[in-house]
Amino acid sequence: MTYNFYGITEAELFRLITAYSAIKNPSIRAEFLRTVEAWAMDQWDASGSEVP
């Protein structure tokens, strides 16, 4: 069974977590998180949902 979180599959979530874990530089890790957060907000906005 494949689960879906915020429009991404469990496999895609695993790949994001794996990529984040591989980044050792703290400033690059922070930028990665900002990028993922911005992408998630864009996905949320595109879905027409209200921000909680």
PDB file of N, CA and C in Angstrom:
ATOM      1  N   MET A   1       0.844  -1.180   0.000  1.00  0.00           N
ATOM      2  CA  MET A   1       0.000   0.000   0.000  1.00  0.00           C
ATOM      3  C   MET A   1       0.889   1.243   0.000  1.00  0.00           C
ATOM      4  N   THR A   2       0.555   2.207  -0.809  1.00  0.00           N
ATOM      5  CA  THR A   2       1.296   3.459  -0.879  1.00  0.00           C
ATOM      6  C   THR A   2       0.486   4.557  -0.222  1.00  0.00           C
ATOM      7  N   TYR A   3       1.106   5.226   0.721  1.00  0.00           N
ATOM      8  CA  TYR A   3       0.448   6.341   1.395  1.00  0.00           C
ATOM      9  C   TYR A   3       0.807   7.632   0.683  1.00  0.00           C
ATOM     10  N   ASN A   4       0.011   8.649   0.891  1.00  0.00           N
ATOM     11  CA  ASN A   4       0.207   9.935   0.251  1.00  0.00           C
ATOM     12  C   ASN A   4       0.177  11.022   1.313  1.00  0.00           C
ATOM     13  N   PHE A   5       1.235  11.811   1.422  1.00  0.00           N
ATOM     14  CA  PHE A   5       1.318  12.904   2.376  1.00  0.00           C
ATOM     15  C   PHE A   5       1.456  14.202   1.601  1.00  0.00           C
ATOM     16  N   TYR A   6       0.510  15.100   1.751  1.00  0.00           N
ATOM     17  CA  TYR A   6       0.572  16.403   1.088  1.00  0.00           C
ATOM     18  C   TYR A   6       0.839  16.279  -0.406  1.00  0.00           C
ATOM     19  N   GLY A   7       0.258  15.283  -1.022  1.00  0.00           N
ATOM     20  CA  GLY A   7       0.392  15.125  -2.461  1.00  0.00           C
ATOM     21  C   GLY A   7       1.655  14.429  -2.917  1.00  0.00           C
ATOM     22  N   ILE A   8       2.473  13.936  -1.964  1.00  0.00           N
ATOM     23  CA  ILE A   8       3.653  13.172  -2.367  1.00  0.00           C
ATOM     24  C   ILE A   8       3.516  11.758  -1.812  1.00  0.00           C
ATOM     25  N   THR A   9       4.090  10.826  -2.506  1.00  0.00           N
ATOM     26  CA  THR A   9       3.983   9.430  -2.086  1.00  0.00           C
ATOM     27  C   THR A   9       4.966   9.138  -0.955  1.00  0.00           C
ATOM     28  N   GLU A  10       4.766   8.006  -0.330  1.00  0.00           N
ATOM     29  CA  GLU A  10       5.663   7.561   0.729  1.00  0.00           C
ATOM     30  C   GLU A  10       7.091   7.411   0.193  1.00  0.00           C
ATOM     31  N   ALA A  11       7.229   6.934  -1.038  1.00  0.00           N
ATOM     32  CA  ALA A  11       8.556   6.774  -1.645  1.00  0.00           C
ATOM     33  C   ALA A  11       9.230   8.128  -1.865  1.00  0.00           C
ATOM     34  N   GLU A  12       8.463   9.114  -2.320  1.00  0.00           N
ATOM     35  CA  GLU A  12       9.030  10.456  -2.520  1.00  0.00           C
ATOM     36  C   GLU A  12       9.439  11.068  -1.186  1.00  0.00           C
ATOM     37  N   LEU A  13       8.630  10.861  -0.148  1.00  0.00           N
ATOM     38  CA  LEU A  13       8.973  11.355   1.183  1.00  0.00           C
ATOM     39  C   LEU A  13      10.261  10.703   1.669  1.00  0.00           C
ATOM     40  N   PHE A  14      10.405   9.413   1.434  1.00  0.00           N
ATOM     41  CA  PHE A  14      11.626   8.706   1.808  1.00  0.00           C
ATOM     42  C   PHE A  14      12.840   9.304   1.099  1.00  0.00           C
ATOM     43  N   ARG A  15      12.686   9.612  -0.194  1.00  0.00           N
ATOM     44  CA  ARG A  15      13.802  10.208  -0.948  1.00  0.00           C
ATOM     45  C   ARG A  15      14.172  11.582  -0.397  1.00  0.00           C
ATOM     46  N   LEU A  16      13.179  12.378  -0.005  1.00  0.00           N
ATOM     47  CA  LEU A  16      13.467  13.690   0.589  1.00  0.00           C
ATOM     48  C   LEU A  16      14.223  13.542   1.906  1.00  0.00           C
ATOM     49  N   ILE A  17      13.775  12.617   2.741  1.00  0.00           N
ATOM     50  CA  ILE A  17      14.434  12.387   4.029  1.00  0.00           C
ATOM     51  C   ILE A  17      15.858  11.893   3.816  1.00  0.00           C
ATOM     52  N   THR A  18      16.043  10.998   2.861  1.00  0.00           N
ATOM     53  CA  THR A  18      17.372  10.468   2.563  1.00  0.00           C
ATOM     54  C   THR A  18      18.293  11.571   2.053  1.00  0.00           C
ATOM     55  N   ALA A  19      17.786  12.419   1.173  1.00  0.00           N
ATOM     56  CA  ALA A  19      18.593  13.529   0.645  1.00  0.00           C
ATOM     57  C   ALA A  19      18.985  14.477   1.771  1.00  0.00           C
ATOM     58  N   TYR A  20      18.028  14.807   2.641  1.00  0.00           N
ATOM     59  CA  TYR A  20      18.315  15.704   3.765  1.00  0.00           C
ATOM     60  C   TYR A  20      19.381  15.094   4.672  1.00  0.00           C
ATOM     61  N   SER A  21      19.273  13.812   4.945  1.00  0.00           N
ATOM     62  CA  SER A  21      20.233  13.132   5.816  1.00  0.00           C
ATOM     63  C   SER A  21      21.638  13.131   5.230  1.00  0.00           C
ATOM     64  N   ALA A  22      21.743  13.141   3.908  1.00  0.00           N
ATOM     65  CA  ALA A  22      23.047  13.101   3.249  1.00  0.00           C
ATOM     66  C   ALA A  22      23.760  14.455   3.269  1.00  0.00           C
ATOM     67  N   ILE A  23      23.026  15.526   3.539  1.00  0.00           N
ATOM     68  CA  ILE A  23      23.620  16.867   3.543  1.00  0.00           C
ATOM     69  C   ILE A  23      24.279  17.107   4.893  1.00  0.00           C
ATOM     70  N   LYS A  24      25.563  17.362   4.884  1.00  0.00           N
ATOM     71  CA  LYS A  24      26.317  17.555   6.130  1.00  0.00           C
ATOM     72  C   LYS A  24      26.476  19.029   6.499  1.00  0.00           C
ATOM     73  N   ASN A  25      26.527  19.910   5.505  1.00  0.00           N
ATOM     74  CA  ASN A  25      26.732  21.338   5.743  1.00  0.00           C
ATOM     75  C   ASN A  25      25.444  21.954   6.300  1.00  0.00           C
ATOM     76  N   PRO A  26      25.502  22.558   7.523  1.00  0.00           N
ATOM     77  CA  PRO A  26      24.291  23.111   8.146  1.00  0.00           C
ATOM     78  C   PRO A  26      23.602  24.197   7.315  1.00  0.00           C
ATOM     79  N   SER A  27      24.361  25.030   6.628  1.00  0.00           N
ATOM     80  CA  SER A  27      23.728  26.096   5.843  1.00  0.00           C
ATOM     81  C   SER A  27      23.014  25.519   4.616  1.00  0.00           C
ATOM     82  N   ILE A  28      23.578  24.484   4.025  1.00  0.00           N
ATOM     83  CA  ILE A  28      22.922  23.841   2.883  1.00  0.00           C
ATOM     84  C   ILE A  28      21.689  23.074   3.357  1.00  0.00           C
ATOM     85  N   ARG A  29      21.771  22.451   4.538  1.00  0.00           N
ATOM     86  CA  ARG A  29      20.600  21.765   5.112  1.00  0.00           C
ATOM     87  C   ARG A  29      19.457  22.763   5.316  1.00  0.00           C
ATOM     88  N   ALA A  30      19.783  23.927   5.861  1.00  0.00           N
ATOM     89  CA  ALA A  30      18.763  24.949   6.107  1.00  0.00           C
ATOM     90  C   ALA A  30      18.133  25.406   4.795  1.00  0.00           C
ATOM     91  N   GLU A  31      18.949  25.605   3.767  1.00  0.00           N
ATOM     92  CA  GLU A  31      18.429  26.016   2.460  1.00  0.00           C
ATOM     93  C   GLU A  31      17.544  24.920   1.862  1.00  0.00           C
ATOM     94  N   PHE A  32      17.942  23.677   2.024  1.00  0.00           N
ATOM     95  CA  PHE A  32      17.140  22.544   1.547  1.00  0.00           C
ATOM     96  C   PHE A  32      15.761  22.571   2.210  1.00  0.00           C
ATOM     97  N   LEU A  33      15.729  22.776   3.532  1.00  0.00           N
ATOM     98  CA  LEU A  33      14.448  22.819   4.243  1.00  0.00           C
ATOM     99  C   LEU A  33      13.592  23.995   3.785  1.00  0.00           C
ATOM    100  N   ARG A  34      14.206  25.160   3.566  1.00  0.00           N
ATOM    101  CA  ARG A  34      13.451  26.323   3.078  1.00  0.00           C
ATOM    102  C   ARG A  34      12.861  26.039   1.700  1.00  0.00           C
ATOM    103  N   THR A  35      13.634  25.384   0.854  1.00  0.00           N
ATOM    104  CA  THR A  35      13.158  25.054  -0.489  1.00  0.00           C
ATOM    105  C   THR A  35      11.984  24.081  -0.432  1.00  0.00           C
ATOM    106  N   VAL A  36      12.101  23.046   0.384  1.00  0.00           N
ATOM    107  CA  VAL A  36      11.017  22.069   0.523  1.00  0.00           C
ATOM    108  C   VAL A  36       9.781  22.737   1.118  1.00  0.00           C
ATOM    109  N   GLU A  37       9.974  23.610   2.107  1.00  0.00           N
ATOM    110  CA  GLU A  37       8.842  24.317   2.713  1.00  0.00           C
ATOM    111  C   GLU A  37       8.139  25.205   1.688  1.00  0.00           C
ATOM    112  N   ALA A  38       8.909  25.928   0.879  1.00  0.00           N
ATOM    113  CA  ALA A  38       8.317  26.786  -0.153  1.00  0.00           C
ATOM    114  C   ALA A  38       7.553  25.946  -1.171  1.00  0.00           C
ATOM    115  N   TRP A  39       8.120  24.815  -1.558  1.00  0.00           N
ATOM    116  CA  TRP A  39       7.437  23.923  -2.494  1.00  0.00           C
ATOM    117  C   TRP A  39       6.122  23.424  -1.885  1.00  0.00           C
ATOM    118  N   ALA A  40       6.162  23.031  -0.618  1.00  0.00           N
ATOM    119  CA  ALA A  40       4.957  22.527   0.047  1.00  0.00           C
ATOM    120  C   ALA A  40       3.879  23.605   0.118  1.00  0.00           C
ATOM    121  N   MET A  41       4.275  24.843   0.406  1.00  0.00           N
ATOM    122  CA  MET A  41       3.304  25.942   0.459  1.00  0.00           C
ATOM    123  C   MET A  41       2.707  26.184  -0.925  1.00  0.00           C
ATOM    124  N   ASP A  42       3.523  26.108  -1.973  1.00  0.00           N
ATOM    125  CA  ASP A  42       3.014  26.254  -3.342  1.00  0.00           C
ATOM    126  C   ASP A  42       2.002  25.160  -3.664  1.00  0.00           C
ATOM    127  N   GLN A  43       2.306  23.936  -3.249  1.00  0.00           N
ATOM    128  CA  GLN A  43       1.385  22.824  -3.477  1.00  0.00           C
ATOM    129  C   GLN A  43       0.075  23.051  -2.725  1.00  0.00           C
ATOM    130  N   TRP A  44       0.184  23.542  -1.490  1.00  0.00           N
ATOM    131  CA  TRP A  44      -0.992  23.810  -0.662  1.00  0.00           C
ATOM    132  C   TRP A  44      -1.844  24.895  -1.320  1.00  0.00           C
ATOM    133  N   ASP A  45      -1.188  25.974  -1.763  1.00  0.00           N
ATOM    134  CA  ASP A  45      -1.911  27.074  -2.413  1.00  0.00           C
ATOM    135  C   ASP A  45      -2.584  26.605  -3.703  1.00  0.00           C
ATOM    136  N   ALA A  46      -1.903  25.767  -4.462  1.00  0.00           N
ATOM    137  CA  ALA A  46      -2.446  25.283  -5.731  1.00  0.00           C
ATOM    138  C   ALA A  46      -3.661  24.381  -5.518  1.00  0.00           C
ATOM    139  N   SER A  47      -3.741  23.769  -4.341  1.00  0.00           N
ATOM    140  CA  SER A  47      -4.868  22.875  -4.064  1.00  0.00           C
ATOM    141  C   SER A  47      -6.122  23.647  -3.690  1.00  0.00           C
ATOM    142  N   GLY A  48      -5.965  24.962  -3.411  1.00  0.00           N
ATOM    143  CA  GLY A  48      -7.110  25.785  -3.047  1.00  0.00           C
ATOM    144  C   GLY A  48      -7.490  25.686  -1.586  1.00  0.00           C
ATOM    145  N   SER A  49      -6.669  25.012  -0.785  1.00  0.00           N
ATOM    146  CA  SER A  49      -6.951  24.874   0.640  1.00  0.00           C
ATOM    147  C   SER A  49      -6.543  26.134   1.380  1.00  0.00           C
ATOM    148  N   GLU A  50      -7.207  26.366   2.510  1.00  0.00           N
ATOM    149  CA  GLU A  50      -6.833  27.501   3.344  1.00  0.00           C
ATOM    150  C   GLU A  50      -5.657  27.101   4.212  1.00  0.00           C
ATOM    151  N   VAL A  51      -4.761  28.046   4.451  1.00  0.00           N
ATOM    152  CA  VAL A  51      -3.616  27.785   5.317  1.00  0.00           C
ATOM    153  C   VAL A  51      -4.119  27.740   6.750  1.00  0.00           C
ATOM    154  N   PRO A  52      -3.752  26.690   7.496  1.00  0.00           N
ATOM    155  CA  PRO A  52      -4.249  26.562   8.881  1.00  0.00           C
ATOM    156  C   PRO A  52      -3.718  27.638   9.790  1.00  0.00           C
TER     157      PRO A  52
END
